C-alpha atoms as a PDB file:
ATOM      1  CA  MET A   1      13.430  -1.152 -14.670  1.00  0.00           C
ATOM      2  CA  ALA A   2      13.402  -4.537 -13.012  1.00  0.00           C
ATOM      3  CA  VAL A   3      16.389  -6.057 -11.254  1.00  0.00           C
ATOM      4  CA  LYS A   4      16.585  -9.823 -11.572  1.00  0.00           C
ATOM      5  CA  VAL A   5      18.854 -12.585 -10.327  1.00  0.00           C
ATOM      6  CA  ASP A   6      19.316 -15.501 -12.723  1.00  0.00           C
ATOM      7  CA  GLN A   7      19.044 -18.433 -10.329  1.00  0.00           C
ATOM      8  CA  GLU A   8      20.814 -20.703 -12.844  1.00  0.00           C
ATOM      9  CA  LYS A   9      23.909 -18.441 -12.873  1.00  0.00           C
ATOM     10  CA  CYS A  10      23.971 -17.412  -9.206  1.00  0.00           C
ATOM     11  CA  ILE A  11      26.811 -19.163  -7.357  1.00  0.00           C
ATOM     12  CA  GLY A  12      25.638 -18.043  -3.907  1.00  0.00           C
ATOM     13  CA  CYS A  13      28.818 -16.158  -3.036  1.00  0.00           C
ATOM     14  CA  GLY A  14      26.926 -13.402  -1.190  1.00  0.00           C
ATOM     15  CA  MET A  15      28.856 -10.548  -2.818  1.00  0.00           C
ATOM     16  CA  CYS A  16      25.655  -8.667  -3.670  1.00  0.00           C
ATOM     17  CA  GLU A  17      24.318  -8.980  -0.135  1.00  0.00           C
ATOM     18  CA  ASN A  18      27.657  -7.824   1.326  1.00  0.00           C
ATOM     19  CA  LEU A  19      27.815  -4.790  -0.981  1.00  0.00           C
ATOM     20  CA  CYS A  20      24.107  -3.988  -0.907  1.00  0.00           C
ATOM     21  CA  PRO A  21      22.296  -5.523   2.074  1.00  0.00           C
ATOM     22  CA  GLU A  22      19.324  -3.215   1.561  1.00  0.00           C
ATOM     23  CA  GLY A  23      18.947  -4.489  -2.011  1.00  0.00           C
ATOM     24  CA  PHE A  24      19.721  -8.209  -1.799  1.00  0.00           C
ATOM     25  CA  GLU A  25      19.434 -11.134   0.573  1.00  0.00           C
ATOM     26  CA  MET A  26      20.531 -14.737   0.453  1.00  0.00           C
ATOM     27  CA  LYS A  27      17.792 -17.368   0.602  1.00  0.00           C
ATOM     28  CA  GLU A  28      18.351 -21.092   0.232  1.00  0.00           C
ATOM     29  CA  GLY A  29      21.849 -20.537  -1.118  1.00  0.00           C
ATOM     30  CA  THR A  30      21.076 -17.989  -3.819  1.00  0.00           C
ATOM     31  CA  ALA A  31      20.573 -14.247  -3.999  1.00  0.00           C
ATOM     32  CA  GLN A  32      17.124 -12.685  -4.024  1.00  0.00           C
ATOM     33  CA  VAL A  33      16.204  -9.097  -4.834  1.00  0.00           C
ATOM     34  CA  LYS A  34      14.892  -7.367  -1.723  1.00  0.00           C
ATOM     35  CA  ASN A  35      14.725  -3.747  -2.923  1.00  0.00           C
ATOM     36  CA  GLU A  36      15.516  -2.997  -6.566  1.00  0.00           C
ATOM     37  CA  THR A  37      15.548   0.768  -5.934  1.00  0.00           C
ATOM     38  CA  ALA A  38      18.352   0.669  -3.340  1.00  0.00           C
ATOM     39  CA  ASP A  39      21.190   3.076  -4.168  1.00  0.00           C
ATOM     40  CA  CYS A  40      23.811   0.309  -4.152  1.00  0.00           C
ATOM     41  CA  VAL A  41      22.116  -2.032  -6.673  1.00  0.00           C
ATOM     42  CA  GLU A  42      24.286  -0.859  -9.596  1.00  0.00           C
ATOM     43  CA  GLU A  43      27.477  -1.636  -7.649  1.00  0.00           C
ATOM     44  CA  ALA A  44      26.194  -5.111  -6.821  1.00  0.00           C
ATOM     45  CA  ILE A  45      25.312  -5.756 -10.476  1.00  0.00           C
ATOM     46  CA  SER A  46      28.773  -4.773 -11.676  1.00  0.00           C
ATOM     47  CA  SER A  47      30.495  -6.751  -8.888  1.00  0.00           C
ATOM     48  CA  CYS A  48      28.675 -10.068  -9.338  1.00  0.00           C
ATOM     49  CA  PRO A  49      31.391 -12.583 -10.313  1.00  0.00           C
ATOM     50  CA  ALA A  50      28.867 -14.830 -12.072  1.00  0.00           C
ATOM     51  CA  GLY A  51      27.091 -12.038 -13.935  1.00  0.00           C
ATOM     52  CA  ALA A  52      23.830 -13.312 -12.503  1.00  0.00           C
ATOM     53  CA  ILE A  53      22.239  -9.935 -11.729  1.00  0.00           C
ATOM     54  CA  THR A  54      20.666  -7.891 -14.501  1.00  0.00           C
ATOM     55  CA  LYS A  55      18.610  -4.745 -14.781  1.00  0.00           C
ATOM     56  CA  GLU A  56      15.994  -4.731 -17.515  1.00  0.00           C
END
């Protein structure tokens, strides 16, 4: 399973990084996946206000 951030949808709010700093980081105003196996990734996916994070 791959975790992806849709850069077109990402609003750069930082919610994913705040909830899951071991899984996400902000770079140039948008979220980037740092570790897709972090335990908190699912919470970040469900909390993203833009729905920009998916797991395929």
